[in-house]
Amino acid sequence: MYYNSLISVCVAIELDDDTLVYDWITDGRVRIKGTDSHWLFHTSANTHVSYPTEIVDAPADTCWVQTIARDVRGGSNAGVVFFIVRQ
């Protein structure tokens, strides 16, 4: 059972109207919803929900989610968001 969730949204604009795909990568302490993993490649969804797999015995811990937005011509851009997770 998971008590915390992280919602990530990637806002990307493709000026050439090419289709964008998104790669989602997290640290080992976060699991992406719908997978048993901390990575998900080649999805058309620009939002994703992740769940912490563990939280250390502290009032707060941090984890991160990286998104890479890519088009079919090889253009890409990436961003990382850090989250504070509380028990």
Protein backbone atom coordinates (compact mmCIF):
# COMPACT_ATOMS: atom_id res chain seq x y z
CA MET A 1 0.00 0.00 0.00
CA TYR A 2 1.29 3.46 -0.88
CA TYR A 3 0.42 6.54 1.13
CA ASN A 4 2.29 9.13 -0.92
CA SER A 5 2.24 9.86 -4.61
CA LEU A 6 4.24 12.21 -6.80
CA ILE A 7 2.60 13.79 -9.84
CA SER A 8 4.98 14.99 -12.56
CA VAL A 9 3.89 17.06 -15.54
CA CYS A 10 6.18 17.80 -18.49
CA VAL A 11 5.19 20.92 -20.42
CA ALA A 12 6.93 20.72 -23.80
CA ILE A 13 6.18 22.56 -27.02
CA GLU A 14 7.21 21.16 -30.41
CA LEU A 15 7.54 24.07 -32.88
CA ASP A 16 7.61 21.77 -35.94
CA ASP A 17 4.42 19.93 -34.89
CA ASP A 18 6.34 16.65 -34.64
CA THR A 19 4.98 14.01 -32.28
CA LEU A 20 6.68 14.05 -28.88
CA VAL A 21 7.55 11.01 -26.81
CA TYR A 22 8.56 11.14 -23.17
CA ASP A 23 11.08 9.15 -21.19
CA TRP A 24 10.54 9.08 -17.41
CA ILE A 25 13.42 8.13 -15.12
CA THR A 26 13.52 8.26 -11.31
CA ASP A 27 15.92 7.33 -8.57
CA GLY A 28 15.65 3.83 -7.12
CA ARG A 29 13.40 5.02 -4.31
CA VAL A 30 10.51 5.88 -6.64
CA ARG A 31 8.36 3.51 -8.72
CA ILE A 32 6.43 4.80 -11.72
CA LYS A 33 2.73 3.90 -11.68
CA GLY A 34 1.88 1.08 -14.06
CA THR A 35 5.38 -0.41 -13.93
CA ASP A 36 7.54 -2.37 -11.51
CA SER A 37 10.44 -0.11 -12.35
CA HIS A 38 11.93 3.33 -11.83
CA TRP A 39 12.03 4.05 -15.58
CA LEU A 40 9.56 4.19 -18.45
CA PHE A 41 10.60 4.98 -22.01
CA HIS A 42 8.75 6.03 -25.17
CA THR A 43 5.38 7.00 -23.73
CA SER A 44 3.02 9.56 -25.24
CA ALA A 45 1.85 10.70 -21.78
CA ASN A 46 3.26 14.02 -20.58
CA THR A 47 2.14 13.31 -16.99
CA HIS A 48 3.05 10.49 -14.69
CA VAL A 49 2.32 9.37 -11.16
CA SER A 50 5.11 7.82 -9.09
CA TYR A 51 5.18 6.24 -5.65
CA PRO A 52 8.02 6.16 -3.15
CA THR A 53 9.17 2.58 -2.62
CA GLU A 54 10.76 3.40 0.72
CA ILE A 55 11.21 6.35 3.03
CA VAL A 56 14.12 6.51 5.45
CA ASP A 57 13.40 6.89 9.16
CA ALA A 58 13.54 10.66 9.10
CA PRO A 59 10.93 13.42 9.09
CA ALA A 60 11.56 14.00 5.37
CA ASP A 61 13.49 12.44 2.49
CA THR A 62 14.11 13.55 -1.09
CA CYS A 63 13.74 11.80 -4.43
CA TRP A 64 13.83 12.94 -8.05
CA VAL A 65 12.05 12.44 -11.37
CA GLN A 66 13.65 13.23 -14.73
CA THR A 67 11.71 13.68 -17.97
CA ILE A 68 13.17 13.73 -21.46
CA ALA A 69 10.88 15.04 -24.21
CA ARG A 70 11.97 13.91 -27.70
CA ASP A 71 10.70 14.37 -31.24
CA VAL A 72 11.12 12.07 -34.25
CA ARG A 73 13.94 14.19 -35.71
CA GLY A 74 16.33 13.70 -32.80
CA GLY A 75 15.61 16.91 -30.90
CA SER A 76 15.26 16.57 -27.15
CA ASN A 77 15.26 18.42 -23.88
CA ALA A 78 15.33 17.18 -20.29
CA GLY A 79 14.42 18.39 -16.84
CA VAL A 80 14.70 17.08 -13.29
CA VAL A 81 12.33 17.77 -10.40
CA PHE A 82 13.23 17.04 -6.78
CA PHE A 83 10.49 16.10 -4.32
CA ILE A 84 10.44 16.19 -0.53
CA VAL A 85 8.65 13.10 0.79
CA ARG A 86 7.32 13.13 4.34
CA GLN A 87 6.17 10.18 6.40
